[in-house]
C-alpha atoms as a PDB file:
ATOM      1  CA  MET A   1       0.000   0.000   0.000  1.00  0.00           C
ATOM      2  CA  ASP A   2       0.958   3.643  -0.485  1.00  0.00           C
ATOM      3  CA  ILE A   3       0.422   5.340   2.850  1.00  0.00           C
ATOM      4  CA  GLY A   4       1.284   8.530   4.687  1.00  0.00           C
ATOM      5  CA  PHE A   5       2.316   8.617   8.335  1.00  0.00           C
ATOM      6  CA  ILE A   6       2.127  11.733  10.509  1.00  0.00           C
ATOM      7  CA  GLY A   7       3.839  11.826  13.910  1.00  0.00           C
ATOM      8  CA  LEU A   8       7.181  10.116  14.494  1.00  0.00           C
ATOM      9  CA  GLY A   9       7.505   9.993  18.249  1.00  0.00           C
ATOM     10  CA  GLU A  10       8.719   6.940  20.128  1.00  0.00           C
ATOM     11  CA  MET A  11       5.664   4.950  19.041  1.00  0.00           C
ATOM     12  CA  GLY A  12       5.187   6.293  15.534  1.00  0.00           C
ATOM     13  CA  ALA A  13       8.784   5.817  14.440  1.00  0.00           C
ATOM     14  CA  VAL A  14       8.905   2.103  15.257  1.00  0.00           C
ATOM     15  CA  MET A  15       5.490   1.580  13.679  1.00  0.00           C
ATOM     16  CA  VAL A  16       6.806   3.049  10.432  1.00  0.00           C
ATOM     17  CA  GLU A  17       9.840   0.769  10.581  1.00  0.00           C
ATOM     18  CA  ASN A  18       7.585  -2.291  10.767  1.00  0.00           C
ATOM     19  CA  ILE A  19       5.323  -0.992   7.993  1.00  0.00           C
ATOM     20  CA  LEU A  20       8.366  -0.553   5.756  1.00  0.00           C
ATOM     21  CA  LYS A  21       9.583  -4.057   6.602  1.00  0.00           C
ATOM     22  CA  ALA A  22       6.220  -5.382   5.406  1.00  0.00           C
ATOM     23  CA  GLY A  23       6.877  -3.878   1.990  1.00  0.00           C
ATOM     24  CA  HIS A  24       4.567  -0.845   2.041  1.00  0.00           C
ATOM     25  CA  GLN A  25       5.495   2.566   0.647  1.00  0.00           C
ATOM     26  CA  VAL A  26       5.456   5.217   3.363  1.00  0.00           C
ATOM     27  CA  ARG A  27       5.570   9.010   3.179  1.00  0.00           C
ATOM     28  CA  VAL A  28       6.425  10.467   6.593  1.00  0.00           C
ATOM     29  CA  TRP A  29       6.007  13.895   8.178  1.00  0.00           C
ATOM     30  CA  ASN A  30       6.939  15.151  11.614  1.00  0.00           C
ATOM     31  CA  ARG A  31       7.030  18.636  13.108  1.00  0.00           C
ATOM     32  CA  SER A  32      10.659  18.029  14.122  1.00  0.00           C
ATOM     33  CA  ALA A  33      12.120  17.039  10.775  1.00  0.00           C
ATOM     34  CA  GLU A  34      15.199  15.377  12.272  1.00  0.00           C
ATOM     35  CA  ARG A  35      12.978  12.586  13.625  1.00  0.00           C
ATOM     36  CA  ALA A  36      12.299  11.529  10.024  1.00  0.00           C
ATOM     37  CA  GLU A  37      15.927  11.212   8.917  1.00  0.00           C
ATOM     38  CA  PRO A  38      16.608   7.694  10.307  1.00  0.00           C
ATOM     39  CA  LEU A  39      13.449   6.457   8.573  1.00  0.00           C
ATOM     40  CA  ALA A  40      14.560   7.913   5.252  1.00  0.00           C
ATOM     41  CA  ALA A  41      17.623   5.686   5.473  1.00  0.00           C
ATOM     42  CA  LYS A  42      15.256   2.714   5.829  1.00  0.00           C
ATOM     43  CA  GLY A  43      13.183   3.511   2.778  1.00  0.00           C
ATOM     44  CA  ALA A  44      10.587   6.083   3.887  1.00  0.00           C
ATOM     45  CA  ARG A  45      10.037   9.213   1.791  1.00  0.00           C
ATOM     46  CA  VAL A  46      10.205  12.348   3.913  1.00  0.00           C
ATOM     47  CA  VAL A  47       7.701  15.058   2.933  1.00  0.00           C
ATOM     48  CA  GLY A  48       7.638  18.706   3.917  1.00  0.00           C
ATOM     49  CA  THR A  49       3.994  19.199   4.862  1.00  0.00           C
ATOM     50  CA  PRO A  50       1.128  17.179   6.383  1.00  0.00           C
ATOM     51  CA  ALA A  51      -0.775  17.695   3.120  1.00  0.00           C
ATOM     52  CA  GLU A  52       1.881  15.719   1.227  1.00  0.00           C
ATOM     53  CA  ALA A  53       1.374  12.834   3.635  1.00  0.00           C
ATOM     54  CA  PHE A  54      -2.399  13.105   3.364  1.00  0.00           C
ATOM     55  CA  GLY A  55      -2.843  11.043   0.209  1.00  0.00           C
ATOM     56  CA  GLY A  56      -2.276   7.645  -1.351  1.00  0.00           C
ATOM     57  CA  ASP A  57      -4.327   4.710  -0.116  1.00  0.00           C
ATOM     58  CA  ALA A  58      -4.468   5.877   3.510  1.00  0.00           C
ATOM     59  CA  VAL A  59      -2.819   8.146   6.041  1.00  0.00           C
ATOM     60  CA  PHE A  60      -1.991   7.201   9.622  1.00  0.00           C
ATOM     61  CA  SER A  61      -1.463   9.671  12.444  1.00  0.00           C
ATOM     62  CA  MET A  62       0.170   9.167  15.838  1.00  0.00           C
ATOM     63  CA  LEU A  63       0.285  12.565  17.519  1.00  0.00           C
ATOM     64  CA  ALA A  64       0.769  13.291  21.208  1.00  0.00           C
ATOM     65  CA  ASP A  65      -2.576  14.747  22.279  1.00  0.00           C
ATOM     66  CA  ASP A  66      -5.725  16.620  21.293  1.00  0.00           C
ATOM     67  CA  ALA A  67      -3.890  19.929  20.878  1.00  0.00           C
ATOM     68  CA  ALA A  68      -1.295  18.470  18.521  1.00  0.00           C
ATOM     69  CA  LEU A  69      -3.961  16.718  16.475  1.00  0.00           C
ATOM     70  CA  ARG A  70      -6.047  19.890  16.125  1.00  0.00           C
ATOM     71  CA  THR A  71      -2.987  21.826  14.997  1.00  0.00           C
ATOM     72  CA  VAL A  72      -2.039  19.356  12.262  1.00  0.00           C
ATOM     73  CA  ILE A  73      -5.356  17.823  11.143  1.00  0.00           C
ATOM     74  CA  ASP A  74      -7.220  21.060  10.508  1.00  0.00           C
ATOM     75  CA  ALA A  75     -10.157  22.002   8.289  1.00  0.00           C
ATOM     76  CA  ALA A  76      -7.941  23.111   5.377  1.00  0.00           C
ATOM     77  CA  LEU A  77      -6.112  19.780   5.345  1.00  0.00           C
ATOM     78  CA  LEU A  78      -9.391  17.847   5.244  1.00  0.00           C
ATOM     79  CA  GLU A  79     -10.913  20.114   2.574  1.00  0.00           C
ATOM     80  CA  ASN A  80      -8.021  19.440   0.219  1.00  0.00           C
ATOM     81  CA  ALA A  81      -7.678  15.720   0.895  1.00  0.00           C
ATOM     82  CA  PRO A  82      -8.671  13.331  -1.916  1.00  0.00           C
ATOM     83  CA  ARG A  83     -12.240  12.086  -1.528  1.00  0.00           C
ATOM     84  CA  GLY A  84     -12.467   8.530  -0.266  1.00  0.00           C
ATOM     85  CA  LEU A  85      -9.119   8.711   1.538  1.00  0.00           C
ATOM     86  CA  ILE A  86      -8.871   6.716   4.781  1.00  0.00           C
ATOM     87  CA  HIS A  87      -7.452   8.506   7.817  1.00  0.00           C
ATOM     88  CA  VAL A  88      -6.455   6.131  10.629  1.00  0.00           C
ATOM     89  CA  ASN A  89      -5.834   7.937  13.904  1.00  0.00           C
ATOM     90  CA  MET A  90      -3.878   5.745  16.316  1.00  0.00           C
ATOM     91  CA  ALA A  91      -3.364   8.318  19.060  1.00  0.00           C
ATOM     92  CA  THR A  92      -5.023   8.355  22.470  1.00  0.00           C
ATOM     93  CA  ILE A  93      -7.371  11.330  22.277  1.00  0.00           C
ATOM     94  CA  SER A  94     -10.547  12.531  23.960  1.00  0.00           C
ATOM     95  CA  VAL A  95     -13.871  10.937  23.153  1.00  0.00           C
ATOM     96  CA  ALA A  96     -15.259  14.365  22.268  1.00  0.00           C
ATOM     97  CA  LEU A  97     -12.536  15.008  19.685  1.00  0.00           C
ATOM     98  CA  ALA A  98     -12.980  11.525  18.209  1.00  0.00           C
ATOM     99  CA  GLU A  99     -16.673  12.272  17.603  1.00  0.00           C
ATOM    100  CA  GLU A 100     -15.794  15.659  16.124  1.00  0.00           C
ATOM    101  CA  LEU A 101     -13.225  14.162  13.763  1.00  0.00           C
ATOM    102  CA  ALA A 102     -15.582  11.417  12.613  1.00  0.00           C
ATOM    103  CA  HIS A 103     -18.168  14.042  11.636  1.00  0.00           C
ATOM    104  CA  ALA A 104     -15.590  16.356  10.013  1.00  0.00           C
ATOM    105  CA  HIS A 105     -14.244  13.544   7.836  1.00  0.00           C
ATOM    106  CA  ALA A 106     -17.639  12.142   6.850  1.00  0.00           C
ATOM    107  CA  SER A 107     -18.915  15.583   5.806  1.00  0.00           C
ATOM    108  CA  ARG A 108     -15.990  15.843   3.364  1.00  0.00           C
ATOM    109  CA  GLY A 109     -16.270  12.350   1.887  1.00  0.00           C
ATOM    110  CA  LEU A 110     -13.347  10.962   3.889  1.00  0.00           C
ATOM    111  CA  ASN A 111     -13.188   7.772   5.934  1.00  0.00           C
ATOM    112  CA  TYR A 112     -12.138   8.123   9.572  1.00  0.00           C
ATOM    113  CA  VAL A 113     -10.958   5.118  11.577  1.00  0.00           C
ATOM    114  CA  ALA A 114      -9.971   5.326  15.228  1.00  0.00           C
ATOM    115  CA  ALA A 115      -7.348   2.689  16.022  1.00  0.00           C
ATOM    116  CA  PRO A 116      -5.660   3.396  19.366  1.00  0.00           C
ATOM    117  CA  VAL A 117      -3.130   0.811  20.458  1.00  0.00           C
ATOM    118  CA  LEU A 118      -2.307  -1.014  23.665  1.00  0.00           C
ATOM    119  CA  GLY A 119       1.417  -1.427  24.209  1.00  0.00           C
ATOM    120  CA  ARG A 120       4.558   0.548  24.961  1.00  0.00           C
ATOM    121  CA  PRO A 121       7.361   1.378  22.477  1.00  0.00           C
ATOM    122  CA  ASP A 122       9.124  -1.934  23.125  1.00  0.00           C
ATOM    123  CA  VAL A 123       5.915  -3.785  22.232  1.00  0.00           C
ATOM    124  CA  ALA A 124       5.492  -1.599  19.147  1.00  0.00           C
ATOM    125  CA  ALA A 125       9.056  -2.371  18.044  1.00  0.00           C
ATOM    126  CA  ALA A 126       8.274  -6.088  18.256  1.00  0.00           C
ATOM    127  CA  ALA A 127       5.106  -5.565  16.144  1.00  0.00           C
ATOM    128  CA  LYS A 128       3.018  -6.976  19.006  1.00  0.00           C
ATOM    129  CA  LEU A 129       0.606  -4.102  19.586  1.00  0.00           C
ATOM    130  CA  THR A 130      -3.052  -4.728  20.348  1.00  0.00           C
ATOM    131  CA  ILE A 131      -5.110  -2.538  18.021  1.00  0.00           C
ATOM    132  CA  VAL A 132      -8.639  -1.418  18.861  1.00  0.00           C
ATOM    133  CA  ALA A 133     -10.308  -0.275  15.628  1.00  0.00           C
ATOM    134  CA  ALA A 134     -13.672   1.364  15.012  1.00  0.00           C
ATOM    135  CA  GLY A 135     -15.063   3.057  11.935  1.00  0.00           C
ATOM    136  CA  PRO A 136     -16.375   2.090   8.482  1.00  0.00           C
ATOM    137  CA  ALA A 137     -15.914  -1.678   8.052  1.00  0.00           C
ATOM    138  CA  GLU A 138     -14.724  -1.399   4.440  1.00  0.00           C
ATOM    139  CA  ALA A 139     -12.100   1.155   5.428  1.00  0.00           C
ATOM    140  CA  ILE A 140     -10.783  -1.114   8.183  1.00  0.00           C
ATOM    141  CA  ASP A 141     -10.668  -4.009   5.695  1.00  0.00           C
ATOM    142  CA  ARG A 142      -8.502  -1.926   3.368  1.00  0.00           C
ATOM    143  CA  VAL A 143      -5.955  -0.957   6.023  1.00  0.00           C
ATOM    144  CA  GLN A 144      -5.871  -4.353   7.749  1.00  0.00           C
ATOM    145  CA  PRO A 145      -2.571  -5.302   6.012  1.00  0.00           C
ATOM    146  CA  VAL A 146      -0.940  -2.316   7.739  1.00  0.00           C
ATOM    147  CA  PHE A 147      -2.460  -3.300  11.089  1.00  0.00           C
ATOM    148  CA  ASP A 148      -1.040  -6.791  10.549  1.00  0.00           C
ATOM    149  CA  ALA A 149       2.420  -5.277  10.077  1.00  0.00           C
ATOM    150  CA  ILE A 150       2.403  -3.484  13.442  1.00  0.00           C
ATOM    151  CA  GLY A 151       0.159  -5.531  15.718  1.00  0.00           C
ATOM    152  CA  GLN A 152      -0.509  -9.020  16.988  1.00  0.00           C
ATOM    153  CA  LYS A 153      -4.311  -8.644  16.905  1.00  0.00           C
ATOM    154  CA  THR A 154      -6.905  -6.141  15.709  1.00  0.00           C
ATOM    155  CA  TRP A 155     -10.111  -5.915  17.709  1.00  0.00           C
ATOM    156  CA  ARG A 156     -12.973  -4.488  15.643  1.00  0.00           C
ATOM    157  CA  ILE A 157     -15.379  -2.643  17.904  1.00  0.00           C
ATOM    158  CA  GLY A 158     -17.965  -1.275  15.462  1.00  0.00           C
ATOM    159  CA  SER A 159     -18.703   1.727  13.291  1.00  0.00           C
ATOM    160  CA  LEU A 160     -18.446   4.534  15.871  1.00  0.00           C
ATOM    161  CA  PRO A 161     -14.791   5.638  16.085  1.00  0.00           C
ATOM    162  CA  GLN A 162     -15.155   7.202  19.538  1.00  0.00           C
ATOM    163  CA  GLN A 163     -15.942   3.802  21.051  1.00  0.00           C
ATOM    164  CA  ALA A 164     -12.401   2.622  20.292  1.00  0.00           C
ATOM    165  CA  ASN A 165     -11.109   5.613  22.220  1.00  0.00           C
ATOM    166  CA  VAL A 166     -13.387   4.816  25.162  1.00  0.00           C
ATOM    167  CA  ILE A 167     -11.914   1.315  25.329  1.00  0.00           C
ATOM    168  CA  LYS A 168      -8.356   2.684  25.220  1.00  0.00           C
ATOM    169  CA  LEU A 169      -9.079   5.160  28.013  1.00  0.00           C
ATOM    170  CA  ALA A 170     -10.780   2.499  30.130  1.00  0.00           C
ATOM    171  CA  ALA A 171      -7.797   0.185  29.636  1.00  0.00           C
ATOM    172  CA  ASN A 172      -5.365   2.936  30.619  1.00  0.00           C
ATOM    173  CA  PHE A 173      -7.480   3.608  33.721  1.00  0.00           C
ATOM    174  CA  MET A 174      -7.066  -0.027  34.738  1.00  0.00           C
ATOM    175  CA  LEU A 175      -3.337   0.104  34.050  1.00  0.00           C
ATOM    176  CA  ALA A 176      -2.952   3.296  36.076  1.00  0.00           C
ATOM    177  CA  SER A 177      -4.937   1.814  38.956  1.00  0.00           C
ATOM    178  CA  ALA A 178      -2.751  -1.304  38.963  1.00  0.00           C
ATOM    179  CA  VAL A 179       0.450   0.740  39.107  1.00  0.00           C
ATOM    180  CA  GLU A 180      -0.988   2.936  41.867  1.00  0.00           C
ATOM    181  CA  THR A 181      -1.886  -0.094  43.975  1.00  0.00           C
ATOM    182  CA  LEU A 182       1.536  -1.649  43.337  1.00  0.00           C
ATOM    183  CA  GLY A 183       3.160   1.496  44.670  1.00  0.00           C
ATOM    184  CA  GLU A 184       0.948   1.603  47.757  1.00  0.00           C
ATOM    185  CA  ALA A 185       1.468  -2.117  48.415  1.00  0.00           C
ATOM    186  CA  ALA A 186       5.234  -1.626  48.122  1.00  0.00           C
ATOM    187  CA  SER A 187       5.124   1.075  50.798  1.00  0.00           C
ATOM    188  CA  LEU A 188       3.053  -1.187  53.036  1.00  0.00           C
ATOM    189  CA  VAL A 189       5.279  -4.253  52.848  1.00  0.00           C
ATOM    190  CA  THR A 190       8.583  -2.381  53.026  1.00  0.00           C
ATOM    191  CA  GLY A 191       7.281  -0.517  56.062  1.00  0.00           C
ATOM    192  CA  HIS A 192       7.131  -3.901  57.775  1.00  0.00           C
ATOM    193  CA  GLY A 193      10.582  -4.939  56.625  1.00  0.00           C
ATOM    194  CA  VAL A 194       9.459  -7.143  53.723  1.00  0.00           C
ATOM    195  CA  ALA A 195      11.493  -6.851  50.533  1.00  0.00           C
ATOM    196  CA  MET A 196       9.375  -5.639  47.623  1.00  0.00           C
ATOM    197  CA  GLN A 197      10.894  -8.315  45.359  1.00  0.00           C
ATOM    198  CA  ASP A 198       9.763 -11.075  47.739  1.00  0.00           C
ATOM    199  CA  PHE A 199       6.244  -9.650  47.735  1.00  0.00           C
ATOM    200  CA  LEU A 200       6.331  -9.399  43.945  1.00  0.00           C
ATOM    201  CA  ASP A 201       7.452 -13.013  43.551  1.00  0.00           C
ATOM    202  CA  VAL A 202       4.468 -14.151  45.628  1.00  0.00           C
ATOM    203  CA  ILE A 203       1.741 -12.185  43.846  1.00  0.00           C
ATOM    204  CA  THR A 204       2.962 -12.607  40.259  1.00  0.00           C
ATOM    205  CA  SER A 205       3.274 -16.377  40.603  1.00  0.00           C
ATOM    206  CA  GLY A 206      -0.349 -16.707  41.633  1.00  0.00           C
ATOM    207  CA  ILE A 207      -3.151 -14.177  41.769  1.00  0.00           C
ATOM    208  CA  PHE A 208      -1.593 -11.366  39.682  1.00  0.00           C
ATOM    209  CA  PRO A 209       0.422 -12.832  36.794  1.00  0.00           C
ATOM    210  CA  GLY A 210       1.054 -10.889  33.618  1.00  0.00           C
ATOM    211  CA  PRO A 211       3.153  -8.059  32.213  1.00  0.00           C
ATOM    212  CA  VAL A 212       1.581  -5.193  34.175  1.00  0.00           C
ATOM    213  CA  TYR A 213       2.311  -6.523  37.659  1.00  0.00           C
ATOM    214  CA  GLN A 214       5.554  -8.220  36.651  1.00  0.00           C
ATOM    215  CA  GLY A 215       6.916  -5.330  34.598  1.00  0.00           C
ATOM    216  CA  TYR A 216       5.850  -2.313  36.622  1.00  0.00           C
ATOM    217  CA  GLY A 217       6.292  -4.203  39.886  1.00  0.00           C
ATOM    218  CA  LYS A 218       9.915  -4.944  39.004  1.00  0.00           C
ATOM    219  CA  MET A 219      10.563  -1.298  38.183  1.00  0.00           C
ATOM    220  CA  ILE A 220       9.084  -0.239  41.527  1.00  0.00           C
ATOM    221  CA  ALA A 221      11.069  -2.906  43.392  1.00  0.00           C
ATOM    222  CA  GLU A 222      14.285  -1.685  41.752  1.00  0.00           C
ATOM    223  CA  GLN A 223      13.283   2.003  42.007  1.00  0.00           C
ATOM    224  CA  ARG A 224      14.129   2.203  38.309  1.00  0.00           C
ATOM    225  CA  TYR A 225      12.082   4.894  36.619  1.00  0.00           C
ATOM    226  CA  GLU A 226      14.357   5.847  33.740  1.00  0.00           C
ATOM    227  CA  PRO A 227      14.530   5.492  30.818  1.00  0.00           C
ATOM    228  CA  ALA A 228      10.771   5.891  30.585  1.00  0.00           C
ATOM    229  CA  LEU A 229       8.800   3.550  28.358  1.00  0.00           C
ATOM    230  CA  PHE A 230       5.561   5.373  29.233  1.00  0.00           C
ATOM    231  CA  LYS A 231       6.067   8.807  30.732  1.00  0.00           C
ATOM    232  CA  ALA A 232       4.124   9.895  33.815  1.00  0.00           C
ATOM    233  CA  ARG A 233       3.019  13.141  32.155  1.00  0.00           C
ATOM    234  CA  LEU A 234       1.451  11.163  29.296  1.00  0.00           C
ATOM    235  CA  GLY A 235      -0.252   8.920  31.825  1.00  0.00           C
ATOM    236  CA  LEU A 236      -1.676  12.024  33.477  1.00  0.00           C
ATOM    237  CA  LYS A 237      -2.959  13.206  30.097  1.00  0.00           C
ATOM    238  CA  ASP A 238      -4.757   9.903  29.537  1.00  0.00           C
ATOM    239  CA  VAL A 239      -6.208   9.870  33.053  1.00  0.00           C
ATOM    240  CA  ARG A 240      -7.620  13.348  32.535  1.00  0.00           C
ATOM    241  CA  LEU A 241      -9.176  12.243  29.238  1.00  0.00           C
ATOM    242  CA  ALA A 242     -10.780   9.271  30.996  1.00  0.00           C
ATOM    243  CA  LEU A 243     -12.193  11.556  33.694  1.00  0.00           C
ATOM    244  CA  ALA A 244     -13.652  13.840  31.014  1.00  0.00           C
ATOM    245  CA  ALA A 245     -15.241  10.839  29.277  1.00  0.00           C
ATOM    246  CA  ALA A 246     -16.698   9.692  32.593  1.00  0.00           C
ATOM    247  CA  ASP A 247     -18.066  13.146  33.355  1.00  0.00           C
ATOM    248  CA  ALA A 248     -19.790  13.241  29.945  1.00  0.00           C
ATOM    249  CA  VAL A 249     -21.955  10.263  30.931  1.00  0.00           C
ATOM    250  CA  SER A 250     -22.232  11.039  34.671  1.00  0.00           C
ATOM    251  CA  THR A 251     -20.062   8.101  35.717  1.00  0.00           C
ATOM    252  CA  PRO A 252     -18.294   8.417  39.080  1.00  0.00           C
ATOM    253  CA  MET A 253     -14.726   7.066  39.026  1.00  0.00           C
ATOM    254  CA  PRO A 254     -13.316   7.734  42.499  1.00  0.00           C
ATOM    255  CA  VAL A 255     -10.283   5.474  42.051  1.00  0.00           C
ATOM    256  CA  LEU A 256      -9.354   7.315  38.867  1.00  0.00           C
ATOM    257  CA  SER A 257      -9.480  10.609  40.768  1.00  0.00           C
ATOM    258  CA  VAL A 258      -6.978   9.218  43.286  1.00  0.00           C
ATOM    259  CA  VAL A 259      -4.636   8.139  40.498  1.00  0.00           C
ATOM    260  CA  ARG A 260      -4.953  11.573  38.870  1.00  0.00           C
ATOM    261  CA  ASP A 261      -3.866  13.231  42.117  1.00  0.00           C
ATOM    262  CA  SER A 262      -0.891  10.875  42.443  1.00  0.00           C
ATOM    263  CA  LEU A 263       0.248  11.677  38.908  1.00  0.00           C
ATOM    264  CA  VAL A 264      -0.202  15.408  39.521  1.00  0.00           C
ATOM    265  CA  GLU A 265       2.039  15.006  42.574  1.00  0.00           C
ATOM    266  CA  ALA A 266       4.643  13.159  40.494  1.00  0.00           C
ATOM    267  CA  VAL A 267       4.684  15.927  37.889  1.00  0.00           C
ATOM    268  CA  ALA A 268       4.793  18.610  40.603  1.00  0.00           C
ATOM    269  CA  HIS A 269       7.948  16.968  41.981  1.00  0.00           C
ATOM    270  CA  GLY A 270       9.610  17.097  38.565  1.00  0.00           C
ATOM    271  CA  ASP A 271       9.015  13.438  37.684  1.00  0.00           C
ATOM    272  CA  GLY A 272       6.781  13.898  34.653  1.00  0.00           C
ATOM    273  CA  GLU A 273       9.425  12.584  32.260  1.00  0.00           C
ATOM    274  CA  LYS A 274      10.008   9.456  34.343  1.00  0.00           C
ATOM    275  CA  ASP A 275       8.191   6.189  33.750  1.00  0.00           C
ATOM    276  CA  PHE A 276       4.620   5.667  34.915  1.00  0.00           C
ATOM    277  CA  ALA A 277       6.075   3.337  37.559  1.00  0.00           C
ATOM    278  CA  VAL A 278       7.226   6.457  39.422  1.00  0.00           C
ATOM    279  CA  LEU A 279       3.881   6.182  41.210  1.00  0.00           C
ATOM    280  CA  GLY A 280       5.839   3.824  43.464  1.00  0.00           C
ATOM    281  CA  GLN A 281       8.088   6.726  44.421  1.00  0.00           C
ATOM    282  CA  VAL A 282       5.035   8.892  45.114  1.00  0.00           C
ATOM    283  CA  SER A 283       3.674   6.299  47.535  1.00  0.00           C
ATOM    284  CA  ALA A 284       7.063   5.901  49.235  1.00  0.00           C
ATOM    285  CA  ARG A 285       7.407   9.660  49.658  1.00  0.00           C
ATOM    286  CA  ARG A 286       3.974   9.895  51.258  1.00  0.00           C
ATOM    287  CA  ALA A 287       5.008   7.178  53.686  1.00  0.00           C
ATOM    288  CA  GLY A 288       8.175   9.070  54.606  1.00  0.00           C
ATOM    289  CA  ARG A 289      10.492   6.578  52.883  1.00  0.00           C
END
């Protein structure tokens, strides 16, 4: 396929690498042009504007947040895009913006697919992402070969793009809650002289197996929060989006509010660039350790 790709951060860059390996042609654009140079050496064609990326069979975007997406994917870009083009947005954005984008694309004869992913950059590099896709079924069918190049499974949720974003935000809420409780549990057991690693060995071999407890638990046990695979400030962004989605349908989420406050505290202490696991450090600090 001939595709464009907008946004070459830690996730987007490795996605493009895997798309190129699968034999697709890729035009890439990034606000910081130097991010595109390593991909040019691997076969991508670097373009100078988002409009040049917005063509071919489909265009994928992986931008940081709502503000970045609004700046790049504006009305002028959509007005000049070829009719029938598929835009696949893989970023974690607000439910409200997802609805707005779906309408803006449809009114201009464009196909909009929301396809947020579950997985950190290391998972993306291994082409093992979990993709949650929603939008026109025919459009998803057409871009499925690209999904296959970057993910281990694509979950099709339906025709309403915003529902894919709801699932991503709900999943990130559960992840954030797990890391928060790991941090609090670490403070509890260490306060009684129990080594965090011993506690972790017990719970991950039985009631809490899996990458979240094993991976983040190990980082908390080792107090190893850099280099960040998922930055605390981005976690805070996602938590705030989840709270906004909950507020829109009058859904109380008291645990999520606690996690939001913990992440705000982490950022306030200058730890926003550290890994999400830094919630363990927040809990330790509160306990005076």
